[in-house]
Amino acid sequence: MQAVWLEETSDSLMVTNLSKPGRGAGEALVRVDLAGICNTDLELIRGYSPFAGILGHEFVGTVEDCDGPLLGKRVVGEINIVCGHCAHCLGGRSTHCENRAVVGIRERPGVFAEYVVLPVSNLHRIPDELPDEVAVFVEPLAAALQIQEQVEIHESDRVAIVGDGKLGNLIAQTLDLTGCRLTVIGRHEEKLKPLRERGVSTTTDPGSISNVDVVVECTGNAQGFATALNLVRPRGTLVMKSTYRGRLEFDAAAIVVNEIIVVGSRCGPFPPAIDLLKSGKIDVGQLVDRTYPMGEALDALTYAAQPGVMKVLLKPAEGRGF
């Protein structure tokens, strides 16, 4: 099978042929129909964290081999492979399992390949009416929804999102459903336009707002974090939703003096994400920039890393499209 392989540095990134994986007990062999390129994939290529193997963690696919009712069904998969018996798993914090592997990120082959093997317990069936181009957004949408699992958002709250990329857009759409007083801050008018058309307030001037109750930082850079810290009111909440490469320098005294609550946010719940996509309340069609075949994956990754680009998809196999 064709797969995108990274050997810890961008110099060794390649599309190569590998043996089709075999599944073990409790696992499923899934044909990957469509995969999404995430900023974390790009950061791994840049050396964010040592990783050798197949990249990718956002996907929708079809189960080709497993025991149970998912055989032949379209699925998406949670990316944390957990042990089920450590203190975190037993305490309801399985995404922080002490022994976890993470698909395409840490000690587990990813989905930029024609096939992937995952535990059946990680898989969620996709409704027939959801095309692949929508279902592939379940994982990042779940990550966006995790914010509301961690922070209670009220209609009266002033909420700001720093960043107008694909994750910022998904977060904006989910938070807008709460009825809060939301503003999205970005640098690109063309990326903010779809949100404005949905009735979301946007601006390219972070100085136009202040004293925000909840700020979500999703740029992944120091300037974005500084902007977020400057916006949040005393005793407000700053949610860090980005993968940061290297060390982040910031004014720690401002956090202490203003008693800011800082929340790290990562993976989120799949069932609500699937339900939202099924309902049509979240629009992901406007997020897809380009789709590439697996043989052109290196071109796809290069394009995805360009400024202003939204979601780039890889199509390893023929799936269910629009």
C-alpha atoms as a PDB file:
ATOM      1  CA  MET A   1       0.000   0.000   0.000  1.00  0.00           C
ATOM      2  CA  GLN A   2       1.068   3.608  -0.512  1.00  0.00           C
ATOM      3  CA  ALA A   3       1.782   5.645   2.602  1.00  0.00           C
ATOM      4  CA  VAL A   4       3.380   8.936   3.683  1.00  0.00           C
ATOM      5  CA  TRP A   5       6.415   8.113   5.828  1.00  0.00           C
ATOM      6  CA  LEU A   6       8.351  10.522   8.045  1.00  0.00           C
ATOM      7  CA  GLU A   7      11.676   9.603   9.625  1.00  0.00           C
ATOM      8  CA  GLU A   8      11.769  12.399  12.233  1.00  0.00           C
ATOM      9  CA  THR A   9      12.824  15.176   9.822  1.00  0.00           C
ATOM     10  CA  SER A  10      11.417  16.732   6.670  1.00  0.00           C
ATOM     11  CA  ASP A  11      14.488  15.520   4.765  1.00  0.00           C
ATOM     12  CA  SER A  12      13.187  11.950   5.025  1.00  0.00           C
ATOM     13  CA  LEU A  13       9.533  12.625   4.164  1.00  0.00           C
ATOM     14  CA  MET A  14       8.420  10.333   1.345  1.00  0.00           C
ATOM     15  CA  VAL A  15       5.549   8.490  -0.263  1.00  0.00           C
ATOM     16  CA  THR A  16       6.509   4.838  -0.141  1.00  0.00           C
ATOM     17  CA  ASN A  17       5.079   1.350  -0.595  1.00  0.00           C
ATOM     18  CA  LEU A  18       4.524  -0.687   2.577  1.00  0.00           C
ATOM     19  CA  SER A  19       2.907  -4.003   3.380  1.00  0.00           C
ATOM     20  CA  LYS A  20      -0.792  -3.963   4.120  1.00  0.00           C
ATOM     21  CA  PRO A  21      -1.122  -4.108   7.936  1.00  0.00           C
ATOM     22  CA  GLY A  22      -2.703  -7.028   9.745  1.00  0.00           C
ATOM     23  CA  ARG A  23      -5.112  -6.619  12.625  1.00  0.00           C
ATOM     24  CA  GLY A  24      -4.969  -8.180  16.068  1.00  0.00           C
ATOM     25  CA  ALA A  25      -7.675  -9.235  18.499  1.00  0.00           C
ATOM     26  CA  GLY A  26     -10.103  -6.401  19.193  1.00  0.00           C
ATOM     27  CA  GLU A  27      -8.832  -4.420  16.210  1.00  0.00           C
ATOM     28  CA  ALA A  28     -10.228  -3.483  12.815  1.00  0.00           C
ATOM     29  CA  LEU A  29      -8.560  -3.101   9.437  1.00  0.00           C
ATOM     30  CA  VAL A  30      -9.888   0.113   7.893  1.00  0.00           C
ATOM     31  CA  ARG A  31      -9.510   1.241   4.285  1.00  0.00           C
ATOM     32  CA  VAL A  32      -8.830   4.983   4.439  1.00  0.00           C
ATOM     33  CA  ASP A  33     -11.223   6.737   2.058  1.00  0.00           C
ATOM     34  CA  LEU A  34     -10.236  10.328   2.859  1.00  0.00           C
ATOM     35  CA  ALA A  35      -7.738  11.962   5.220  1.00  0.00           C
ATOM     36  CA  GLY A  36      -7.246  15.548   6.369  1.00  0.00           C
ATOM     37  CA  ILE A  37      -3.951  17.369   6.816  1.00  0.00           C
ATOM     38  CA  CYS A  38      -3.722  19.033  10.230  1.00  0.00           C
ATOM     39  CA  ASN A  39      -1.308  21.680  11.504  1.00  0.00           C
ATOM     40  CA  THR A  40       0.067  19.060  13.892  1.00  0.00           C
ATOM     41  CA  ASP A  41       1.145  16.972  10.875  1.00  0.00           C
ATOM     42  CA  LEU A  42       2.969  19.994   9.493  1.00  0.00           C
ATOM     43  CA  GLU A  43       4.633  20.689  12.849  1.00  0.00           C
ATOM     44  CA  LEU A  44       5.838  17.074  13.059  1.00  0.00           C
ATOM     45  CA  ILE A  45       7.466  17.510   9.660  1.00  0.00           C
ATOM     46  CA  ARG A  46       9.157  20.661  10.986  1.00  0.00           C
ATOM     47  CA  GLY A  47      10.480  18.731  14.004  1.00  0.00           C
ATOM     48  CA  TYR A  48       7.918  19.611  16.678  1.00  0.00           C
ATOM     49  CA  SER A  49       8.316  16.140  18.248  1.00  0.00           C
ATOM     50  CA  PRO A  50      10.344  13.057  17.267  1.00  0.00           C
ATOM     51  CA  PHE A  51       8.216  10.718  15.162  1.00  0.00           C
ATOM     52  CA  ALA A  52       9.104   7.966  12.730  1.00  0.00           C
ATOM     53  CA  GLY A  53       6.284   6.349  10.810  1.00  0.00           C
ATOM     54  CA  ILE A  54       3.120   7.045   8.843  1.00  0.00           C
ATOM     55  CA  LEU A  55       1.727  10.533   9.409  1.00  0.00           C
ATOM     56  CA  GLY A  56      -1.908  11.612   9.740  1.00  0.00           C
ATOM     57  CA  HIS A  57      -4.766  11.262  12.220  1.00  0.00           C
ATOM     58  CA  GLU A  58      -7.899  12.799  10.629  1.00  0.00           C
ATOM     59  CA  PHE A  59      -9.784  10.337   8.424  1.00  0.00           C
ATOM     60  CA  VAL A  60     -12.935   8.588   7.347  1.00  0.00           C
ATOM     61  CA  GLY A  61     -12.745   5.020   6.108  1.00  0.00           C
ATOM     62  CA  THR A  62     -14.494   1.701   5.568  1.00  0.00           C
ATOM     63  CA  VAL A  63     -13.967  -1.337   7.821  1.00  0.00           C
ATOM     64  CA  GLU A  64     -12.674  -4.223   5.716  1.00  0.00           C
ATOM     65  CA  ASP A  65     -11.917  -6.716   8.469  1.00  0.00           C
ATOM     66  CA  CYS A  66     -13.099  -6.965  12.069  1.00  0.00           C
ATOM     67  CA  ASP A  67     -15.254  -9.003  14.412  1.00  0.00           C
ATOM     68  CA  GLY A  68     -18.640  -7.434  15.024  1.00  0.00           C
ATOM     69  CA  PRO A  69     -21.232  -5.126  13.468  1.00  0.00           C
ATOM     70  CA  LEU A  70     -18.815  -2.518  12.047  1.00  0.00           C
ATOM     71  CA  LEU A  71     -17.675  -4.801   9.222  1.00  0.00           C
ATOM     72  CA  GLY A  72     -18.334  -3.017   5.924  1.00  0.00           C
ATOM     73  CA  LYS A  73     -19.375   0.212   7.652  1.00  0.00           C
ATOM     74  CA  ARG A  74     -17.923   3.700   7.248  1.00  0.00           C
ATOM     75  CA  VAL A  75     -16.171   4.942  10.369  1.00  0.00           C
ATOM     76  CA  VAL A  76     -14.027   7.637  11.899  1.00  0.00           C
ATOM     77  CA  GLY A  77     -11.592   6.938  14.708  1.00  0.00           C
ATOM     78  CA  GLU A  78     -10.405   8.473  17.954  1.00  0.00           C
ATOM     79  CA  ILE A  79      -6.651   8.967  17.876  1.00  0.00           C
ATOM     80  CA  ASN A  80      -5.628   8.001  21.426  1.00  0.00           C
ATOM     81  CA  ILE A  81      -4.849   4.293  21.850  1.00  0.00           C
ATOM     82  CA  VAL A  82      -5.163   3.677  25.584  1.00  0.00           C
ATOM     83  CA  CYS A  83      -4.388   0.848  28.007  1.00  0.00           C
ATOM     84  CA  GLY A  84      -7.633   0.962  30.012  1.00  0.00           C
ATOM     85  CA  HIS A  85      -6.025   0.109  33.364  1.00  0.00           C
ATOM     86  CA  CYS A  86      -3.719   2.978  34.392  1.00  0.00           C
ATOM     87  CA  ALA A  87      -4.767   5.616  36.932  1.00  0.00           C
ATOM     88  CA  HIS A  88      -5.849   8.068  34.233  1.00  0.00           C
ATOM     89  CA  CYS A  89      -7.935   5.515  32.350  1.00  0.00           C
ATOM     90  CA  LEU A  90      -9.623   4.321  35.538  1.00  0.00           C
ATOM     91  CA  GLY A  91     -10.148   7.938  36.608  1.00  0.00           C
ATOM     92  CA  GLY A  92     -12.017   8.898  33.435  1.00  0.00           C
ATOM     93  CA  ARG A  93      -9.035  10.671  31.855  1.00  0.00           C
ATOM     94  CA  SER A  94      -8.233   8.101  29.176  1.00  0.00           C
ATOM     95  CA  THR A  95      -6.998  10.690  26.652  1.00  0.00           C
ATOM     96  CA  HIS A  96      -4.140  11.190  29.100  1.00  0.00           C
ATOM     97  CA  CYS A  97      -3.439   7.456  29.512  1.00  0.00           C
ATOM     98  CA  GLU A  98       0.035   6.895  30.936  1.00  0.00           C
ATOM     99  CA  ASN A  99       0.726   4.302  28.258  1.00  0.00           C
ATOM    100  CA  ARG A 100      -1.085   5.881  25.322  1.00  0.00           C
ATOM    101  CA  ALA A 101      -0.044   5.882  21.717  1.00  0.00           C
ATOM    102  CA  VAL A 102      -1.438   8.519  19.384  1.00  0.00           C
ATOM    103  CA  VAL A 103      -2.312   7.748  15.768  1.00  0.00           C
ATOM    104  CA  GLY A 104       0.194   9.353  13.410  1.00  0.00           C
ATOM    105  CA  ILE A 105       1.771  11.351  16.231  1.00  0.00           C
ATOM    106  CA  ARG A 106       3.233   9.016  18.822  1.00  0.00           C
ATOM    107  CA  GLU A 107       4.151   5.329  18.545  1.00  0.00           C
ATOM    108  CA  ARG A 108       1.257   4.419  16.238  1.00  0.00           C
ATOM    109  CA  PRO A 109       1.004   4.397  12.415  1.00  0.00           C
ATOM    110  CA  GLY A 110      -1.157   7.151  10.998  1.00  0.00           C
ATOM    111  CA  VAL A 111      -3.818   7.425   8.330  1.00  0.00           C
ATOM    112  CA  PHE A 112      -1.904   8.908   5.392  1.00  0.00           C
ATOM    113  CA  ALA A 113      -2.009   5.427   3.916  1.00  0.00           C
ATOM    114  CA  GLU A 114      -4.405   3.164   2.078  1.00  0.00           C
ATOM    115  CA  TYR A 115      -5.077   1.180   5.271  1.00  0.00           C
ATOM    116  CA  VAL A 116      -4.875   1.688   9.015  1.00  0.00           C
ATOM    117  CA  VAL A 117      -5.460  -0.639  11.974  1.00  0.00           C
ATOM    118  CA  LEU A 118      -7.278   0.698  15.041  1.00  0.00           C
ATOM    119  CA  PRO A 119      -8.967  -0.794  18.100  1.00  0.00           C
ATOM    120  CA  VAL A 120     -12.665  -1.363  17.417  1.00  0.00           C
ATOM    121  CA  SER A 121     -13.376   0.591  20.608  1.00  0.00           C
ATOM    122  CA  ASN A 122     -11.877   3.712  18.956  1.00  0.00           C
ATOM    123  CA  LEU A 123     -14.234   3.624  15.980  1.00  0.00           C
ATOM    124  CA  HIS A 124     -17.500   5.491  15.467  1.00  0.00           C
ATOM    125  CA  ARG A 125     -19.919   4.686  12.680  1.00  0.00           C
ATOM    126  CA  ILE A 126     -20.751   7.476  10.253  1.00  0.00           C
ATOM    127  CA  PRO A 127     -24.372   8.026   9.123  1.00  0.00           C
ATOM    128  CA  ASP A 128     -24.947   7.069   5.493  1.00  0.00           C
ATOM    129  CA  GLU A 129     -26.095  10.573   4.576  1.00  0.00           C
ATOM    130  CA  LEU A 130     -22.771  12.194   5.562  1.00  0.00           C
ATOM    131  CA  PRO A 131     -20.345  12.297   2.609  1.00  0.00           C
ATOM    132  CA  ASP A 132     -16.667  11.623   3.210  1.00  0.00           C
ATOM    133  CA  GLU A 133     -15.796  15.297   2.678  1.00  0.00           C
ATOM    134  CA  VAL A 134     -17.933  16.122   5.726  1.00  0.00           C
ATOM    135  CA  ALA A 135     -17.155  13.085   7.886  1.00  0.00           C
ATOM    136  CA  VAL A 136     -13.400  13.704   7.659  1.00  0.00           C
ATOM    137  CA  PHE A 137     -13.951  16.757   9.887  1.00  0.00           C
ATOM    138  CA  VAL A 138     -15.250  14.764  12.866  1.00  0.00           C
ATOM    139  CA  GLU A 139     -11.897  14.640  14.681  1.00  0.00           C
ATOM    140  CA  PRO A 140     -11.066  18.378  14.455  1.00  0.00           C
ATOM    141  CA  LEU A 141     -14.685  19.303  15.209  1.00  0.00           C
ATOM    142  CA  ALA A 142     -14.550  17.098  18.309  1.00  0.00           C
ATOM    143  CA  ALA A 143     -11.401  18.964  19.359  1.00  0.00           C
ATOM    144  CA  ALA A 144     -13.280  22.256  18.928  1.00  0.00           C
ATOM    145  CA  LEU A 145     -16.135  20.955  21.097  1.00  0.00           C
ATOM    146  CA  GLN A 146     -13.705  20.008  23.867  1.00  0.00           C
ATOM    147  CA  ILE A 147     -13.584  23.680  24.860  1.00  0.00           C
ATOM    148  CA  GLN A 148     -17.199  23.500  26.023  1.00  0.00           C
ATOM    149  CA  GLU A 149     -16.390  20.331  27.971  1.00  0.00           C
ATOM    150  CA  GLN A 150     -13.807  22.327  29.945  1.00  0.00           C
ATOM    151  CA  VAL A 151     -15.217  25.858  30.107  1.00  0.00           C
ATOM    152  CA  GLU A 152     -18.847  26.837  30.693  1.00  0.00           C
ATOM    153  CA  ILE A 153     -19.880  29.387  28.086  1.00  0.00           C
ATOM    154  CA  HIS A 154     -22.891  31.622  28.836  1.00  0.00           C
ATOM    155  CA  GLU A 155     -24.953  33.764  26.471  1.00  0.00           C
ATOM    156  CA  SER A 156     -23.819  36.869  28.343  1.00  0.00           C
ATOM    157  CA  ASP A 157     -20.108  36.028  27.964  1.00  0.00           C
ATOM    158  CA  ARG A 158     -17.835  38.045  25.722  1.00  0.00           C
ATOM    159  CA  VAL A 159     -15.753  35.462  23.854  1.00  0.00           C
ATOM    160  CA  ALA A 160     -12.903  36.036  21.422  1.00  0.00           C
ATOM    161  CA  ILE A 161     -11.079  33.615  19.151  1.00  0.00           C
ATOM    162  CA  VAL A 162      -7.565  34.535  18.042  1.00  0.00           C
ATOM    163  CA  GLY A 163      -6.884  32.869  14.694  1.00  0.00           C
ATOM    164  CA  ASP A 164      -8.839  32.539  11.454  1.00  0.00           C
ATOM    165  CA  GLY A 165      -7.563  29.168  10.254  1.00  0.00           C
ATOM    166  CA  LYS A 166      -9.506  25.942   9.864  1.00  0.00           C
ATOM    167  CA  LEU A 167      -9.521  25.142  13.596  1.00  0.00           C
ATOM    168  CA  GLY A 168     -10.427  28.720  14.487  1.00  0.00           C
ATOM    169  CA  ASN A 169     -13.326  28.524  12.042  1.00  0.00           C
ATOM    170  CA  LEU A 170     -14.644  25.282  13.555  1.00  0.00           C
ATOM    171  CA  ILE A 171     -14.306  26.660  17.078  1.00  0.00           C
ATOM    172  CA  ALA A 172     -16.134  29.824  16.023  1.00  0.00           C
ATOM    173  CA  GLN A 173     -19.024  27.848  14.558  1.00  0.00           C
ATOM    174  CA  THR A 174     -19.393  25.710  17.697  1.00  0.00           C
ATOM    175  CA  LEU A 175     -19.172  28.635  20.122  1.00  0.00           C
ATOM    176  CA  ASP A 176     -21.580  30.698  18.036  1.00  0.00           C
ATOM    177  CA  LEU A 177     -24.224  28.053  18.727  1.00  0.00           C
ATOM    178  CA  THR A 178     -24.075  28.954  22.449  1.00  0.00           C
ATOM    179  CA  GLY A 179     -25.402  32.451  21.746  1.00  0.00           C
ATOM    180  CA  CYS A 180     -22.391  34.095  23.389  1.00  0.00           C
ATOM    181  CA  ARG A 181     -21.110  37.503  22.265  1.00  0.00           C
ATOM    182  CA  LEU A 182     -18.429  36.171  19.935  1.00  0.00           C
ATOM    183  CA  THR A 183     -15.685  37.932  17.962  1.00  0.00           C
ATOM    184  CA  VAL A 184     -13.114  36.217  15.747  1.00  0.00           C
ATOM    185  CA  ILE A 185      -9.785  37.989  15.281  1.00  0.00           C
ATOM    186  CA  GLY A 186      -7.771  37.161  12.180  1.00  0.00           C
ATOM    187  CA  ARG A 187      -5.382  38.519   9.592  1.00  0.00           C
ATOM    188  CA  HIS A 188      -7.119  37.414   6.397  1.00  0.00           C
ATOM    189  CA  GLU A 189     -10.360  39.034   5.269  1.00  0.00           C
ATOM    190  CA  GLU A 190     -11.029  36.179   2.840  1.00  0.00           C
ATOM    191  CA  LYS A 191     -10.849  33.615   5.676  1.00  0.00           C
ATOM    192  CA  LEU A 192     -13.073  35.714   7.939  1.00  0.00           C
ATOM    193  CA  LYS A 193     -15.694  36.296   5.244  1.00  0.00           C
ATOM    194  CA  PRO A 194     -17.488  32.896   5.612  1.00  0.00           C
ATOM    195  CA  LEU A 195     -17.909  33.537   9.334  1.00  0.00           C
ATOM    196  CA  ARG A 196     -19.276  37.039   8.746  1.00  0.00           C
ATOM    197  CA  GLU A 197     -21.758  35.547   6.281  1.00  0.00           C
ATOM    198  CA  ARG A 198     -22.954  33.310   9.140  1.00  0.00           C
ATOM    199  CA  GLY A 199     -23.502  36.392  11.300  1.00  0.00           C
ATOM    200  CA  VAL A 200     -20.324  36.036  13.391  1.00  0.00           C
ATOM    201  CA  SER A 201     -18.557  39.265  14.330  1.00  0.00           C
ATOM    202  CA  THR A 202     -14.986  39.413  12.962  1.00  0.00           C
ATOM    203  CA  THR A 203     -12.115  41.886  13.004  1.00  0.00           C
ATOM    204  CA  THR A 204      -8.519  42.232  11.872  1.00  0.00           C
ATOM    205  CA  ASP A 205      -7.859  44.760  14.654  1.00  0.00           C
ATOM    206  CA  PRO A 206      -7.318  43.098  18.055  1.00  0.00           C
ATOM    207  CA  GLY A 207      -7.219  46.552  19.640  1.00  0.00           C
ATOM    208  CA  SER A 208     -10.903  46.997  18.867  1.00  0.00           C
ATOM    209  CA  ILE A 209     -11.976  44.745  21.760  1.00  0.00           C
ATOM    210  CA  SER A 210     -10.867  44.256  25.376  1.00  0.00           C
ATOM    211  CA  ASN A 211     -11.906  42.796  28.733  1.00  0.00           C
ATOM    212  CA  VAL A 212     -13.047  39.513  27.203  1.00  0.00           C
ATOM    213  CA  ASP A 213     -14.422  36.790  29.490  1.00  0.00           C
ATOM    214  CA  VAL A 214     -13.045  33.841  27.491  1.00  0.00           C
ATOM    215  CA  VAL A 215     -10.305  33.971  24.854  1.00  0.00           C
ATOM    216  CA  VAL A 216      -9.411  30.963  22.682  1.00  0.00           C
ATOM    217  CA  GLU A 217      -5.917  31.075  21.190  1.00  0.00           C
ATOM    218  CA  CYS A 218      -5.555  28.914  18.087  1.00  0.00           C
ATOM    219  CA  THR A 219      -2.734  30.467  16.069  1.00  0.00           C
ATOM    220  CA  GLY A 220       0.062  28.396  17.585  1.00  0.00           C
ATOM    221  CA  ASN A 221       2.484  31.324  17.668  1.00  0.00           C
ATOM    222  CA  ALA A 222       3.843  33.687  20.311  1.00  0.00           C
ATOM    223  CA  GLN A 223       2.199  36.780  18.835  1.00  0.00           C
ATOM    224  CA  GLY A 224      -1.213  35.114  18.930  1.00  0.00           C
ATOM    225  CA  PHE A 225      -0.725  34.118  22.558  1.00  0.00           C
ATOM    226  CA  ALA A 226       0.365  37.650  23.477  1.00  0.00           C
ATOM    227  CA  THR A 227      -2.747  39.012  21.782  1.00  0.00           C
ATOM    228  CA  ALA A 228      -4.966  36.564  23.656  1.00  0.00           C
ATOM    229  CA  LEU A 229      -3.362  37.411  26.993  1.00  0.00           C
ATOM    230  CA  ASN A 230      -3.856  41.107  26.317  1.00  0.00           C
ATOM    231  CA  LEU A 231      -7.553  40.609  25.544  1.00  0.00           C
ATOM    232  CA  VAL A 232      -8.672  38.539  28.525  1.00  0.00           C
ATOM    233  CA  ARG A 233     -10.145  40.367  31.502  1.00  0.00           C
ATOM    234  CA  PRO A 234      -8.905  39.898  35.094  1.00  0.00           C
ATOM    235  CA  ARG A 235     -10.069  36.476  36.347  1.00  0.00           C
ATOM    236  CA  GLY A 236     -11.017  35.592  32.805  1.00  0.00           C
ATOM    237  CA  THR A 237     -10.153  32.358  30.995  1.00  0.00           C
ATOM    238  CA  LEU A 238      -7.559  31.839  28.281  1.00  0.00           C
ATOM    239  CA  VAL A 239      -7.901  28.568  26.355  1.00  0.00           C
ATOM    240  CA  MET A 240      -4.796  27.319  24.545  1.00  0.00           C
ATOM    241  CA  LYS A 241      -5.979  25.253  21.592  1.00  0.00           C
ATOM    242  CA  SER A 242      -2.793  25.091  19.507  1.00  0.00           C
ATOM    243  CA  THR A 243       0.193  22.834  19.156  1.00  0.00           C
ATOM    244  CA  TYR A 244       3.176  25.073  19.941  1.00  0.00           C
ATOM    245  CA  ARG A 245       6.565  24.270  18.460  1.00  0.00           C
ATOM    246  CA  GLY A 246       9.471  25.041  20.787  1.00  0.00           C
ATOM    247  CA  ARG A 247       9.209  27.148  23.926  1.00  0.00           C
ATOM    248  CA  LEU A 248       6.657  29.910  24.338  1.00  0.00           C
ATOM    249  CA  GLU A 249       7.819  33.094  26.049  1.00  0.00           C
ATOM    250  CA  PHE A 250       5.124  35.152  27.739  1.00  0.00           C
ATOM    251  CA  ASP A 251       4.469  37.591  30.573  1.00  0.00           C
ATOM    252  CA  ALA A 252       3.818  35.213  33.464  1.00  0.00           C
ATOM    253  CA  ALA A 253       3.368  38.123  35.869  1.00  0.00           C
ATOM    254  CA  ALA A 254       0.295  39.260  33.912  1.00  0.00           C
ATOM    255  CA  ILE A 255      -1.280  35.844  34.446  1.00  0.00           C
ATOM    256  CA  VAL A 256      -0.592  35.929  38.171  1.00  0.00           C
ATOM    257  CA  VAL A 257      -1.510  39.564  38.813  1.00  0.00           C
ATOM    258  CA  ASN A 258      -4.731  39.350  36.773  1.00  0.00           C
ATOM    259  CA  GLU A 259      -5.539  35.869  38.122  1.00  0.00           C
ATOM    260  CA  ILE A 260      -6.051  34.469  34.637  1.00  0.00           C
ATOM    261  CA  ILE A 261      -7.284  30.890  34.302  1.00  0.00           C
ATOM    262  CA  VAL A 262      -5.229  29.134  31.604  1.00  0.00           C
ATOM    263  CA  VAL A 263      -6.761  25.988  30.109  1.00  0.00           C
ATOM    264  CA  GLY A 264      -4.967  23.570  27.804  1.00  0.00           C
ATOM    265  CA  SER A 265      -7.387  21.872  25.402  1.00  0.00           C
ATOM    266  CA  ARG A 266      -6.819  18.908  23.102  1.00  0.00           C
ATOM    267  CA  CYS A 267      -8.987  15.986  21.934  1.00  0.00           C
ATOM    268  CA  GLY A 268     -12.766  16.026  22.280  1.00  0.00           C
ATOM    269  CA  PRO A 269     -15.981  13.973  22.088  1.00  0.00           C
ATOM    270  CA  PHE A 270     -16.858  12.299  18.764  1.00  0.00           C
ATOM    271  CA  PRO A 271     -20.623  11.596  19.140  1.00  0.00           C
ATOM    272  CA  PRO A 272     -21.629  15.281  19.509  1.00  0.00           C
ATOM    273  CA  ALA A 273     -19.371  16.169  16.574  1.00  0.00           C
ATOM    274  CA  ILE A 274     -21.054  13.560  14.374  1.00  0.00           C
ATOM    275  CA  ASP A 275     -24.497  14.784  15.466  1.00  0.00           C
ATOM    276  CA  LEU A 276     -23.633  18.412  14.665  1.00  0.00           C
ATOM    277  CA  LEU A 277     -22.373  17.527  11.198  1.00  0.00           C
ATOM    278  CA  LYS A 278     -25.471  15.408  10.580  1.00  0.00           C
ATOM    279  CA  SER A 279     -27.718  18.310  11.632  1.00  0.00           C
ATOM    280  CA  GLY A 280     -26.057  20.667   9.163  1.00  0.00           C
ATOM    281  CA  LYS A 281     -25.440  23.255  11.878  1.00  0.00           C
ATOM    282  CA  ILE A 282     -21.699  23.214  11.091  1.00  0.00           C
ATOM    283  CA  ASP A 283     -20.569  24.108   7.568  1.00  0.00           C
ATOM    284  CA  VAL A 284     -17.295  22.432   6.594  1.00  0.00           C
ATOM    285  CA  GLY A 285     -17.655  22.643   2.828  1.00  0.00           C
ATOM    286  CA  GLN A 286     -16.226  26.156   2.811  1.00  0.00           C
ATOM    287  CA  LEU A 287     -13.122  24.912   4.644  1.00  0.00           C
ATOM    288  CA  VAL A 288     -11.862  22.504   1.964  1.00  0.00           C
ATOM    289  CA  ASP A 289      -9.146  24.108  -0.124  1.00  0.00           C
ATOM    290  CA  ARG A 290      -7.862  21.242  -2.290  1.00  0.00           C
ATOM    291  CA  THR A 291      -7.945  17.436  -2.517  1.00  0.00           C
ATOM    292  CA  TYR A 292      -4.916  15.453  -3.682  1.00  0.00           C
ATOM    293  CA  PRO A 293      -4.437  11.765  -4.561  1.00  0.00           C
ATOM    294  CA  MET A 294      -2.039   9.825  -2.334  1.00  0.00           C
ATOM    295  CA  GLY A 295       0.638   9.805  -5.032  1.00  0.00           C
ATOM    296  CA  GLU A 296       0.797  13.616  -4.780  1.00  0.00           C
ATOM    297  CA  ALA A 297       0.880  13.697  -0.974  1.00  0.00           C
ATOM    298  CA  LEU A 298       4.190  15.573  -0.791  1.00  0.00           C
ATOM    299  CA  ASP A 299       2.771  18.307  -3.011  1.00  0.00           C
ATOM    300  CA  ALA A 300      -0.317  18.346  -0.787  1.00  0.00           C
ATOM    301  CA  LEU A 301       1.750  18.801   2.369  1.00  0.00           C
ATOM    302  CA  THR A 302       3.810  21.561   0.753  1.00  0.00           C
ATOM    303  CA  TYR A 303       0.656  23.357  -0.329  1.00  0.00           C
ATOM    304  CA  ALA A 304      -1.004  22.897   3.084  1.00  0.00           C
ATOM    305  CA  ALA A 305       1.948  24.655   4.735  1.00  0.00           C
ATOM    306  CA  GLN A 306       1.468  27.842   2.695  1.00  0.00           C
ATOM    307  CA  PRO A 307       0.042  30.899   4.496  1.00  0.00           C
ATOM    308  CA  GLY A 308      -3.681  31.362   4.099  1.00  0.00           C
ATOM    309  CA  VAL A 309      -4.423  27.780   3.043  1.00  0.00           C
ATOM    310  CA  MET A 310      -7.373  26.075   4.735  1.00  0.00           C
ATOM    311  CA  LYS A 311      -8.045  22.306   4.824  1.00  0.00           C
ATOM    312  CA  VAL A 312      -6.193  20.086   2.376  1.00  0.00           C
ATOM    313  CA  LEU A 313      -7.414  16.513   1.921  1.00  0.00           C
ATOM    314  CA  LEU A 314      -5.703  13.315   0.771  1.00  0.00           C
ATOM    315  CA  LYS A 315      -7.616  10.614  -1.084  1.00  0.00           C
ATOM    316  CA  PRO A 316      -5.817   7.265  -0.697  1.00  0.00           C
ATOM    317  CA  ALA A 317      -8.789   5.291  -2.006  1.00  0.00           C
ATOM    318  CA  GLU A 318     -12.095   5.854  -3.748  1.00  0.00           C
ATOM    319  CA  GLY A 319     -14.626   6.822  -1.060  1.00  0.00           C
ATOM    320  CA  ARG A 320     -18.153   8.163  -0.842  1.00  0.00           C
ATOM    321  CA  GLY A 321     -18.089  11.756  -2.093  1.00  0.00           C
ATOM    322  CA  PHE A 322     -20.638  14.510  -2.609  1.00  0.00           C
END
